[in-house]
């Protein structure tokens, strides 16, 4: 759909376009403009980013584990090239390689 922009006329987003974008009546939206492009995005509500207390505890616990790993030095990298990364993976795989077990013949 094409509209003509005029000085005195406000720019109106047609109902069919709003419907396709999933905007609801009364919903707040944000306008972002950059390099001749206007982007309209829904403004997040407080409910969109809310976690239950149980979810928050789980997230906080996993973040704490990750921070503990960082402090203890249980991290790898950063790598300057993909070859360094692959070499590190192979070295770790050699450390974890299990001994082959002998299976009895049936």
PDB file of N, CA and C in Angstrom:
ATOM      1  N   UNK A   1       0.839  -1.169   0.000  1.00  0.00           N
ATOM      2  CA  UNK A   1       0.000   0.000   0.000  1.00  0.00           C
ATOM      3  C   UNK A   1       0.889   1.239   0.000  1.00  0.00           C
ATOM      4  N   UNK A   2       0.531   2.217  -0.761  1.00  0.00           N
ATOM      5  CA  UNK A   2       1.315   3.440  -0.883  1.00  0.00           C
ATOM      6  C   UNK A   2       0.458   4.635  -0.485  1.00  0.00           C
ATOM      7  N   UNK A   3       1.046   5.567   0.262  1.00  0.00           N
ATOM      8  CA  UNK A   3       0.360   6.807   0.622  1.00  0.00           C
ATOM      9  C   UNK A   3       1.271   7.974   0.275  1.00  0.00           C
ATOM     10  N   UNK A   4       0.694   9.143   0.119  1.00  0.00           N
ATOM     11  CA  UNK A   4       1.467  10.351  -0.187  1.00  0.00           C
ATOM     12  C   UNK A   4       1.628  11.160   1.095  1.00  0.00           C
ATOM     13  N   UNK A   5       2.846  11.539   1.411  1.00  0.00           N
ATOM     14  CA  UNK A   5       3.132  12.331   2.599  1.00  0.00           C
ATOM     15  C   UNK A   5       3.009  13.803   2.225  1.00  0.00           C
ATOM     16  N   UNK A   6       2.214  14.536   2.979  1.00  0.00           N
ATOM     17  CA  UNK A   6       2.025  15.970   2.756  1.00  0.00           C
ATOM     18  C   UNK A   6       2.359  16.708   4.055  1.00  0.00           C
ATOM     19  N   UNK A   7       2.685  17.989   3.945  1.00  0.00           N
ATOM     20  CA  UNK A   7       3.096  18.787   5.100  1.00  0.00           C
ATOM     21  C   UNK A   7       2.043  18.836   6.210  1.00  0.00           C
ATOM     22  N   UNK A   8       0.800  19.069   5.865  1.00  0.00           N
ATOM     23  CA  UNK A   8      -0.244  19.285   6.863  1.00  0.00           C
ATOM     24  C   UNK A   8      -0.965  18.000   7.270  1.00  0.00           C
ATOM     25  N   UNK A   9      -0.743  16.907   6.565  1.00  0.00           N
ATOM     26  CA  UNK A   9      -1.484  15.679   6.814  1.00  0.00           C
ATOM     27  C   UNK A   9      -0.670  14.725   7.670  1.00  0.00           C
ATOM     28  N   UNK A  10      -1.254  14.243   8.780  1.00  0.00           N
ATOM     29  CA  UNK A  10      -0.523  13.257   9.578  1.00  0.00           C
ATOM     30  C   UNK A  10      -0.419  11.931   8.821  1.00  0.00           C
ATOM     31  N   UNK A  11       0.647  11.221   9.077  1.00  0.00           N
ATOM     32  CA  UNK A  11       0.854   9.925   8.438  1.00  0.00           C
ATOM     33  C   UNK A  11       0.039   8.884   9.204  1.00  0.00           C
ATOM     34  N   UNK A  12      -0.808   8.162   8.513  1.00  0.00           N
ATOM     35  CA  UNK A  12      -1.702   7.188   9.129  1.00  0.00           C
ATOM     36  C   UNK A  12      -1.337   5.797   8.628  1.00  0.00           C
ATOM     37  N   UNK A  13      -1.205   4.859   9.554  1.00  0.00           N
ATOM     38  CA  UNK A  13      -0.936   3.468   9.180  1.00  0.00           C
ATOM     39  C   UNK A  13      -2.288   2.802   8.945  1.00  0.00           C
ATOM     40  N   UNK A  14      -2.529   2.293   7.741  1.00  0.00           N
ATOM     41  CA  UNK A  14      -3.823   1.686   7.436  1.00  0.00           C
ATOM     42  C   UNK A  14      -4.132   0.486   8.341  1.00  0.00           C
ATOM     43  N   UNK A  15      -5.417   0.278   8.576  1.00  0.00           N
ATOM     44  CA  UNK A  15      -5.870  -0.801   9.453  1.00  0.00           C
ATOM     45  C   UNK A  15      -5.361  -2.158   8.996  1.00  0.00           C
ATOM     46  N   UNK A  16      -5.373  -2.425   7.709  1.00  0.00           N
ATOM     47  CA  UNK A  16      -4.938  -3.731   7.204  1.00  0.00           C
ATOM     48  C   UNK A  16      -3.457  -3.973   7.509  1.00  0.00           C
ATOM     49  N   UNK A  17      -2.637  -2.911   7.446  1.00  0.00           N
ATOM     50  CA  UNK A  17      -1.210  -3.043   7.745  1.00  0.00           C
ATOM     51  C   UNK A  17      -1.011  -3.279   9.238  1.00  0.00           C
ATOM     52  N   UNK A  18      -1.746  -2.542  10.074  1.00  0.00           N
ATOM     53  CA  UNK A  18      -1.645  -2.743  11.531  1.00  0.00           C
ATOM     54  C   UNK A  18      -2.061  -4.154  11.900  1.00  0.00           C
ATOM     55  N   UNK A  19      -3.113  -4.654  11.254  1.00  0.00           N
ATOM     56  CA  UNK A  19      -3.597  -6.000  11.541  1.00  0.00           C
ATOM     57  C   UNK A  19      -2.529  -7.042  11.177  1.00  0.00           C
ATOM     58  N   UNK A  20      -1.915  -6.881   9.987  1.00  0.00           N
ATOM     59  CA  UNK A  20      -0.863  -7.818   9.566  1.00  0.00           C
ATOM     60  C   UNK A  20       0.331  -7.791  10.512  1.00  0.00           C
ATOM     61  N   UNK A  21       0.628  -6.614  11.066  1.00  0.00           N
ATOM     62  CA  UNK A  21       1.757  -6.480  11.993  1.00  0.00           C
ATOM     63  C   UNK A  21       1.413  -7.021  13.376  1.00  0.00           C
ATOM     64  N   UNK A  22       0.126  -7.234  13.650  1.00  0.00           N
ATOM     65  CA  UNK A  22      -0.271  -7.778  14.941  1.00  0.00           C
ATOM     66  C   UNK A  22      -0.451  -6.718  16.021  1.00  0.00           C
ATOM     67  N   UNK A  23      -0.583  -5.448  15.628  1.00  0.00           N
ATOM     68  CA  UNK A  23      -0.797  -4.387  16.613  1.00  0.00           C
ATOM     69  C   UNK A  23      -2.248  -4.428  17.097  1.00  0.00           C
ATOM     70  N   UNK A  24      -2.435  -4.228  18.398  1.00  0.00           N
ATOM     71  CA  UNK A  24      -3.766  -4.216  18.991  1.00  0.00           C
ATOM     72  C   UNK A  24      -4.199  -2.774  19.250  1.00  0.00           C
ATOM     73  N   UNK A  25      -5.486  -2.563  19.330  1.00  0.00           N
ATOM     74  CA  UNK A  25      -6.035  -1.242  19.601  1.00  0.00           C
ATOM     75  C   UNK A  25      -5.595  -0.790  21.000  1.00  0.00           C
ATOM     76  N   UNK A  26      -5.060   0.409  21.109  1.00  0.00           N
ATOM     77  CA  UNK A  26      -4.616   0.939  22.398  1.00  0.00           C
ATOM     78  C   UNK A  26      -3.195   0.560  22.769  1.00  0.00           C
ATOM     79  N   UNK A  27      -2.540  -0.267  21.969  1.00  0.00           N
ATOM     80  CA  UNK A  27      -1.168  -0.705  22.254  1.00  0.00           C
ATOM     81  C   UNK A  27      -0.193   0.437  21.985  1.00  0.00           C
ATOM     82  N   UNK A  28       0.810   0.569  22.859  1.00  0.00           N
ATOM     83  CA  UNK A  28       1.841   1.588  22.659  1.00  0.00           C
ATOM     84  C   UNK A  28       2.886   1.068  21.670  1.00  0.00           C
ATOM     85  N   UNK A  29       3.343   1.956  20.787  1.00  0.00           N
ATOM     86  CA  UNK A  29       4.363   1.598  19.810  1.00  0.00           C
ATOM     87  C   UNK A  29       5.495   2.618  19.872  1.00  0.00           C
ATOM     88  N   UNK A  30       6.668   2.198  19.431  1.00  0.00           N
ATOM     89  CA  UNK A  30       7.839   3.071  19.374  1.00  0.00           C
ATOM     90  C   UNK A  30       8.198   3.296  17.910  1.00  0.00           C
ATOM     91  N   UNK A  31       8.598   4.513  17.583  1.00  0.00           N
ATOM     92  CA  UNK A  31       9.042   4.855  16.237  1.00  0.00           C
ATOM     93  C   UNK A  31      10.552   5.026  16.263  1.00  0.00           C
ATOM     94  N   UNK A  32      11.230   4.367  15.336  1.00  0.00           N
ATOM     95  CA  UNK A  32      12.680   4.494  15.201  1.00  0.00           C
ATOM     96  C   UNK A  32      12.969   4.917  13.765  1.00  0.00           C
ATOM     97  N   UNK A  33      13.808   5.934  13.615  1.00  0.00           N
ATOM     98  CA  UNK A  33      14.129   6.426  12.271  1.00  0.00           C
ATOM     99  C   UNK A  33      15.629   6.386  12.059  1.00  0.00           C
ATOM    100  N   UNK A  34      16.043   5.858  10.900  1.00  0.00           N
ATOM    101  CA  UNK A  34      17.455   5.778  10.577  1.00  0.00           C
ATOM    102  C   UNK A  34      17.624   5.665   9.069  1.00  0.00           C
ATOM    103  N   UNK A  35      18.426   6.521   8.494  1.00  0.00           N
ATOM    104  CA  UNK A  35      18.759   6.475   7.066  1.00  0.00           C
ATOM    105  C   UNK A  35      17.523   6.391   6.165  1.00  0.00           C
ATOM    106  N   UNK A  36      16.533   7.221   6.428  1.00  0.00           N
ATOM    107  CA  UNK A  36      15.359   7.260   5.572  1.00  0.00           C
ATOM    108  C   UNK A  36      14.369   6.133   5.786  1.00  0.00           C
ATOM    109  N   UNK A  37      14.540   5.344   6.838  1.00  0.00           N
ATOM    110  CA  UNK A  37      13.641   4.234   7.126  1.00  0.00           C
ATOM    111  C   UNK A  37      13.001   4.470   8.485  1.00  0.00           C
ATOM    112  N   UNK A  38      11.685   4.355   8.553  1.00  0.00           N
ATOM    113  CA  UNK A  38      10.966   4.458   9.820  1.00  0.00           C
ATOM    114  C   UNK A  38      10.515   3.057  10.215  1.00  0.00           C
ATOM    115  N   UNK A  39      10.868   2.646  11.405  1.00  0.00           N
ATOM    116  CA  UNK A  39      10.485   1.339  11.914  1.00  0.00           C
ATOM    117  C   UNK A  39       9.534   1.545  13.084  1.00  0.00           C
ATOM    118  N   UNK A  40       8.410   0.850  13.062  1.00  0.00           N
ATOM    119  CA  UNK A  40       7.435   0.926  14.143  1.00  0.00           C
ATOM    120  C   UNK A  40       7.438  -0.420  14.849  1.00  0.00           C
ATOM    121  N   UNK A  41       7.754  -0.417  16.137  1.00  0.00           N
ATOM    122  CA  UNK A  41       7.807  -1.659  16.902  1.00  0.00           C
ATOM    123  C   UNK A  41       6.930  -1.520  18.145  1.00  0.00           C
ATOM    124  N   UNK A  42       6.307  -2.616  18.591  1.00  0.00           N
ATOM    125  CA  UNK A  42       5.492  -2.529  19.797  1.00  0.00           C
ATOM    126  C   UNK A  42       6.374  -2.257  21.012  1.00  0.00           C
ATOM    127  N   UNK A  43       5.906  -1.390  21.882  1.00  0.00           N
ATOM    128  CA  UNK A  43       6.636  -1.097  23.101  1.00  0.00           C
ATOM    129  C   UNK A  43       6.383  -2.248  24.066  1.00  0.00           C
ATOM    130  N   UNK A  44       7.454  -2.863  24.587  1.00  0.00           N
ATOM    131  CA  UNK A  44       7.246  -4.013  25.482  1.00  0.00           C
ATOM    132  C   UNK A  44       6.539  -3.575  26.769  1.00  0.00           C
ATOM    133  N   UNK A  45       5.609  -4.395  27.197  1.00  0.00           N
ATOM    134  CA  UNK A  45       4.919  -4.126  28.453  1.00  0.00           C
ATOM    135  C   UNK A  45       5.657  -4.809  29.587  1.00  0.00           C
ATOM    136  N   UNK A  46       5.310  -4.475  30.793  1.00  0.00           N
ATOM    137  CA  UNK A  46       5.963  -5.082  31.954  1.00  0.00           C
ATOM    138  C   UNK A  46       5.726  -6.586  31.979  1.00  0.00           C
ATOM    139  N   UNK A  47       4.542  -7.028  31.518  1.00  0.00           N
ATOM    140  CA  UNK A  47       4.218  -8.451  31.528  1.00  0.00           C
ATOM    141  C   UNK A  47       5.027  -9.242  30.514  1.00  0.00           C
ATOM    142  N   UNK A  48       5.478  -8.588  29.416  1.00  0.00           N
ATOM    143  CA  UNK A  48       6.227  -9.294  28.377  1.00  0.00           C
ATOM    144  C   UNK A  48       7.577  -9.783  28.880  1.00  0.00           C
ATOM    145  N   UNK A  49       8.142  -9.089  29.847  1.00  0.00           N
ATOM    146  CA  UNK A  49       9.487  -9.421  30.314  1.00  0.00           C
ATOM    147  C   UNK A  49       9.468  -9.997  31.726  1.00  0.00           C
ATOM    148  N   UNK A  50       8.316 -10.413  32.198  1.00  0.00           N
ATOM    149  CA  UNK A  50       8.211 -10.889  33.576  1.00  0.00           C
ATOM    150  C   UNK A  50       8.501 -12.384  33.650  1.00  0.00           C
ATOM    151  N   UNK A  51       9.217 -12.772  34.687  1.00  0.00           N
ATOM    152  CA  UNK A  51       9.475 -14.177  34.982  1.00  0.00           C
ATOM    153  C   UNK A  51       8.781 -14.520  36.291  1.00  0.00           C
ATOM    154  N   UNK A  52       8.389 -15.772  36.416  1.00  0.00           N
ATOM    155  CA  UNK A  52       7.838 -16.204  37.693  1.00  0.00           C
ATOM    156  C   UNK A  52       8.989 -16.274  38.691  1.00  0.00           C
ATOM    157  N   UNK A  53       8.700 -16.240  39.989  1.00  0.00           N
ATOM    158  CA  UNK A  53       9.781 -16.350  40.975  1.00  0.00           C
ATOM    159  C   UNK A  53      10.611 -17.618  40.793  1.00  0.00           C
ATOM    160  N   UNK A  54       9.967 -18.725  40.430  1.00  0.00           N
ATOM    161  CA  UNK A  54      10.700 -19.977  40.215  1.00  0.00           C
ATOM    162  C   UNK A  54      11.651 -19.858  39.026  1.00  0.00           C
ATOM    163  N   UNK A  55      11.185 -19.250  37.937  1.00  0.00           N
ATOM    164  CA  UNK A  55      12.037 -19.044  36.769  1.00  0.00           C
ATOM    165  C   UNK A  55      13.201 -18.115  37.111  1.00  0.00           C
ATOM    166  N   UNK A  56      12.935 -17.068  37.875  1.00  0.00           N
ATOM    167  CA  UNK A  56      13.984 -16.125  38.268  1.00  0.00           C
ATOM    168  C   UNK A  56      15.039 -16.820  39.122  1.00  0.00           C
ATOM    169  N   UNK A  57      14.612 -17.685  40.065  1.00  0.00           N
ATOM    170  CA  UNK A  57      15.582 -18.428  40.908  1.00  0.00           C
ATOM    171  C   UNK A  57      16.458 -19.323  40.049  1.00  0.00           C
ATOM    172  N   UNK A  58      15.857 -20.005  39.071  1.00  0.00           N
ATOM    173  CA  UNK A  58      16.610 -20.887  38.186  1.00  0.00           C
ATOM    174  C   UNK A  58      17.620 -20.093  37.361  1.00  0.00           C
ATOM    175  N   UNK A  59      17.186 -18.970  36.818  1.00  0.00           N
ATOM    176  CA  UNK A  59      18.082 -18.118  36.024  1.00  0.00           C
ATOM    177  C   UNK A  59      19.226 -17.609  36.890  1.00  0.00           C
ATOM    178  N   UNK A  60      18.911 -17.117  38.083  1.00  0.00           N
ATOM    179  CA  UNK A  60      19.948 -16.603  38.980  1.00  0.00           C
ATOM    180  C   UNK A  60      20.937 -17.694  39.383  1.00  0.00           C
ATOM    181  N   UNK A  61      20.439 -18.919  39.628  1.00  0.00           N
ATOM    182  CA  UNK A  61      21.322 -20.022  40.009  1.00  0.00           C
ATOM    183  C   UNK A  61      22.281 -20.368  38.867  1.00  0.00           C
ATOM    184  N   UNK A  62      21.773 -20.404  37.641  1.00  0.00           N
ATOM    185  CA  UNK A  62      22.642 -20.738  36.502  1.00  0.00           C
ATOM    186  C   UNK A  62      23.639 -19.617  36.209  1.00  0.00           C
ATOM    187  N   UNK A  63      23.218 -18.379  36.400  1.00  0.00           N
ATOM    188  CA  UNK A  63      24.166 -17.272  36.251  1.00  0.00           C
ATOM    189  C   UNK A  63      25.272 -17.369  37.293  1.00  0.00           C
ATOM    190  N   UNK A  64      24.912 -17.725  38.516  1.00  0.00           N
ATOM    191  CA  UNK A  64      25.908 -17.873  39.585  1.00  0.00           C
ATOM    192  C   UNK A  64      26.897 -18.993  39.250  1.00  0.00           C
ATOM    193  N   UNK A  65      26.397 -20.106  38.687  1.00  0.00           N
ATOM    194  CA  UNK A  65      27.293 -21.195  38.274  1.00  0.00           C
ATOM    195  C   UNK A  65      28.271 -20.717  37.210  1.00  0.00           C
ATOM    196  N   UNK A  66      27.764 -19.982  36.237  1.00  0.00           N
ATOM    197  CA  UNK A  66      28.620 -19.478  35.167  1.00  0.00           C
ATOM    198  C   UNK A  66      29.681 -18.525  35.691  1.00  0.00           C
ATOM    199  N   UNK A  67      29.297 -17.653  36.607  1.00  0.00           N
ATOM    200  CA  UNK A  67      30.264 -16.727  37.193  1.00  0.00           C
ATOM    201  C   UNK A  67      31.312 -17.462  38.019  1.00  0.00           C
ATOM    202  N   UNK A  68      30.889 -18.520  38.721  1.00  0.00           N
ATOM    203  CA  UNK A  68      31.837 -19.321  39.495  1.00  0.00           C
ATOM    204  C   UNK A  68      32.842 -20.003  38.566  1.00  0.00           C
ATOM    205  N   UNK A  69      32.377 -20.501  37.417  1.00  0.00           N
ATOM    206  CA  UNK A  69      33.284 -21.107  36.437  1.00  0.00           C
ATOM    207  C   UNK A  69      34.290 -20.082  35.926  1.00  0.00           C
ATOM    208  N   UNK A  70      33.827 -18.872  35.669  1.00  0.00           N
ATOM    209  CA  UNK A  70      34.737 -17.823  35.213  1.00  0.00           C
ATOM    210  C   UNK A  70      35.801 -17.518  36.259  1.00  0.00           C
ATOM    211  N   UNK A  71      35.372 -17.371  37.515  1.00  0.00           N
ATOM    212  CA  UNK A  71      36.313 -17.054  38.585  1.00  0.00           C
ATOM    213  C   UNK A  71      37.318 -18.171  38.809  1.00  0.00           C
ATOM    214  N   UNK A  72      36.879 -19.430  38.631  1.00  0.00           N
ATOM    215  CA  UNK A  72      37.758 -20.582  38.838  1.00  0.00           C
ATOM    216  C   UNK A  72      38.636 -20.873  37.628  1.00  0.00           C
ATOM    217  N   UNK A  73      38.422 -20.148  36.540  1.00  0.00           N
ATOM    218  CA  UNK A  73      39.243 -20.352  35.346  1.00  0.00           C
ATOM    219  C   UNK A  73      38.818 -21.528  34.494  1.00  0.00           C
ATOM    220  N   UNK A  74      37.606 -22.020  34.684  1.00  0.00           N
ATOM    221  CA  UNK A  74      37.114 -23.159  33.901  1.00  0.00           C
ATOM    222  C   UNK A  74      36.457 -22.654  32.612  1.00  0.00           C
ATOM    223  N   UNK A  75      37.228 -21.930  31.831  1.00  0.00           N
ATOM    224  CA  UNK A  75      36.741 -21.407  30.554  1.00  0.00           C
ATOM    225  C   UNK A  75      37.817 -21.636  29.503  1.00  0.00           C
ATOM    226  N   UNK A  76      37.442 -21.546  28.259  1.00  0.00           N
ATOM    227  CA  UNK A  76      38.377 -21.705  27.151  1.00  0.00           C
ATOM    228  C   UNK A  76      38.293 -20.468  26.271  1.00  0.00           C
ATOM    229  N   UNK A  77      39.402 -20.126  25.646  1.00  0.00           N
ATOM    230  CA  UNK A  77      39.400 -19.001  24.723  1.00  0.00           C
ATOM    231  C   UNK A  77      39.772 -17.712  25.421  1.00  0.00           C
ATOM    232  N   UNK A  78      39.680 -16.616  24.747  1.00  0.00           N
ATOM    233  CA  UNK A  78      39.201 -16.427  23.387  1.00  0.00           C
ATOM    234  C   UNK A  78      40.212 -16.937  22.365  1.00  0.00           C
ATOM    235  N   UNK A  79      39.725 -17.247  21.201  1.00  0.00           N
ATOM    236  CA  UNK A  79      40.552 -17.783  20.137  1.00  0.00           C
ATOM    237  C   UNK A  79      40.678 -16.747  19.026  1.00  0.00           C
ATOM    238  N   UNK A  80      41.878 -16.619  18.486  1.00  0.00           N
ATOM    239  CA  UNK A  80      42.108 -15.646  17.416  1.00  0.00           C
ATOM    240  C   UNK A  80      41.601 -16.167  16.074  1.00  0.00           C
ATOM    241  N   UNK A  81      41.648 -17.490  15.887  1.00  0.00           N
ATOM    242  CA  UNK A  81      41.200 -18.066  14.616  1.00  0.00           C
ATOM    243  C   UNK A  81      40.366 -19.307  14.885  1.00  0.00           C
ATOM    244  N   UNK A  82      39.672 -19.763  13.860  1.00  0.00           N
ATOM    245  CA  UNK A  82      38.899 -20.992  13.996  1.00  0.00           C
ATOM    246  C   UNK A  82      39.821 -22.197  14.170  1.00  0.00           C
ATOM    247  N   UNK A  83      41.037 -22.124  13.625  1.00  0.00           N
ATOM    248  CA  UNK A  83      41.974 -23.240  13.769  1.00  0.00           C
ATOM    249  C   UNK A  83      42.386 -23.417  15.232  1.00  0.00           C
ATOM    250  N   UNK A  84      42.580 -22.300  15.946  1.00  0.00           N
ATOM    251  CA  UNK A  84      42.901 -22.389  17.379  1.00  0.00           C
ATOM    252  C   UNK A  84      41.743 -23.024  18.136  1.00  0.00           C
ATOM    253  N   UNK A  85      40.520 -22.656  17.771  1.00  0.00           N
ATOM    254  CA  UNK A  85      39.348 -23.215  18.432  1.00  0.00           C
ATOM    255  C   UNK A  85      39.260 -24.720  18.210  1.00  0.00           C
ATOM    256  N   UNK A  86      39.452 -25.161  16.980  1.00  0.00           N
ATOM    257  CA  UNK A  86      39.377 -26.593  16.655  1.00  0.00           C
ATOM    258  C   UNK A  86      40.491 -27.351  17.359  1.00  0.00           C
ATOM    259  N   UNK A  87      41.688 -26.792  17.411  1.00  0.00           N
ATOM    260  CA  UNK A  87      42.790 -27.443  18.117  1.00  0.00           C
ATOM    261  C   UNK A  87      42.461 -27.597  19.595  1.00  0.00           C
ATOM    262  N   UNK A  88      41.825 -26.601  20.179  1.00  0.00           N
ATOM    263  CA  UNK A  88      41.426 -26.685  21.578  1.00  0.00           C
ATOM    264  C   UNK A  88      40.385 -27.782  21.781  1.00  0.00           C
ATOM    265  N   UNK A  89      39.436 -27.890  20.864  1.00  0.00           N
ATOM    266  CA  UNK A  89      38.433 -28.953  20.956  1.00  0.00           C
ATOM    267  C   UNK A  89      39.079 -30.336  20.896  1.00  0.00           C
ATOM    268  N   UNK A  90      40.030 -30.514  20.000  1.00  0.00           N
ATOM    269  CA  UNK A  90      40.709 -31.806  19.885  1.00  0.00           C
ATOM    270  C   UNK A  90      41.499 -32.118  21.156  1.00  0.00           C
ATOM    271  N   UNK A  91      42.147 -31.125  21.729  1.00  0.00           N
ATOM    272  CA  UNK A  91      42.910 -31.336  22.963  1.00  0.00           C
ATOM    273  C   UNK A  91      41.982 -31.751  24.098  1.00  0.00           C
ATOM    274  N   UNK A  92      40.844 -31.112  24.210  1.00  0.00           N
ATOM    275  CA  UNK A  92      39.875 -31.477  25.258  1.00  0.00           C
ATOM    276  C   UNK A  92      39.313 -32.867  25.012  1.00  0.00           C
ATOM    277  N   UNK A  93      39.095 -33.235  23.759  1.00  0.00           N
ATOM    278  CA  UNK A  93      38.574 -34.568  23.437  1.00  0.00           C
ATOM    279  C   UNK A  93      39.581 -35.645  23.822  1.00  0.00           C
ATOM    280  N   UNK A  94      40.879 -35.373  23.618  1.00  0.00           N
ATOM    281  CA  UNK A  94      41.902 -36.348  24.011  1.00  0.00           C
ATOM    282  C   UNK A  94      41.907 -36.551  25.523  1.00  0.00           C
ATOM    283  N   UNK A  95      41.657 -35.483  26.269  1.00  0.00           N
ATOM    284  CA  UNK A  95      41.616 -35.601  27.728  1.00  0.00           C
ATOM    285  C   UNK A  95      40.440 -36.451  28.189  1.00  0.00           C
ATOM    286  N   UNK A  96      39.347 -36.364  27.472  1.00  0.00           N
ATOM    287  CA  UNK A  96      38.130 -37.053  27.884  1.00  0.00           C
ATOM    288  C   UNK A  96      37.986 -38.449  27.293  1.00  0.00           C
ATOM    289  N   UNK A  97      38.900 -38.819  26.414  1.00  0.00           N
ATOM    290  CA  UNK A  97      38.796 -40.103  25.728  1.00  0.00           C
ATOM    291  C   UNK A  97      38.815 -41.241  26.757  1.00  0.00           C
ATOM    292  N   UNK A  98      37.855 -42.105  26.641  1.00  0.00           N
ATOM    293  CA  UNK A  98      37.775 -43.225  27.573  1.00  0.00           C
ATOM    294  C   UNK A  98      38.577 -44.408  27.036  1.00  0.00           C
ATOM    295  N   UNK A  99      39.003 -45.240  27.964  1.00  0.00           N
ATOM    296  CA  UNK A  99      39.661 -46.479  27.545  1.00  0.00           C
ATOM    297  C   UNK A  99      38.625 -47.402  26.970  1.00  0.00           C
ATOM    298  N   UNK A 100      39.016 -48.161  25.968  1.00  0.00           N
ATOM    299  CA  UNK A 100      38.080 -49.113  25.373  1.00  0.00           C
ATOM    300  C   UNK A 100      37.887 -50.284  26.310  1.00  0.00           C
ATOM    301  N   UNK A 101      36.655 -50.714  26.448  1.00  0.00           N
ATOM    302  CA  UNK A 101      36.362 -51.841  27.322  1.00  0.00           C
ATOM    303  C   UNK A 101      36.296 -53.107  26.475  1.00  0.00           C
ATOM    304  N   UNK A 102      36.733 -54.189  27.043  1.00  0.00           N
ATOM    305  CA  UNK A 102      36.703 -55.473  26.359  1.00  0.00           C
ATOM    306  C   UNK A 102      35.348 -56.101  26.632  1.00  0.00           C
ATOM    307  N   UNK A 103      34.658 -56.447  25.576  1.00  0.00           N
ATOM    308  CA  UNK A 103      33.337 -57.053  25.718  1.00  0.00           C
ATOM    309  C   UNK A 103      33.466 -58.558  25.485  1.00  0.00           C
ATOM    310  N   UNK A 104      32.707 -59.270  26.239  1.00  0.00           N
ATOM    311  CA  UNK A 104      32.754 -60.720  26.091  1.00  0.00           C
ATOM    312  C   UNK A 104      31.979 -61.135  24.846  1.00  0.00           C
ATOM    313  N   UNK A 105      32.462 -62.154  24.166  1.00  0.00           N
ATOM    314  CA  UNK A 105      31.807 -62.658  22.966  1.00  0.00           C
ATOM    315  C   UNK A 105      30.642 -63.549  23.388  1.00  0.00           C
ATOM    316  N   UNK A 106      29.567 -63.475  22.675  1.00  0.00           N
ATOM    317  CA  UNK A 106      28.401 -64.305  23.004  1.00  0.00           C
ATOM    318  C   UNK A 106      28.275 -65.454  22.072  1.00  0.00           C
TER     319      UNK A 106
END
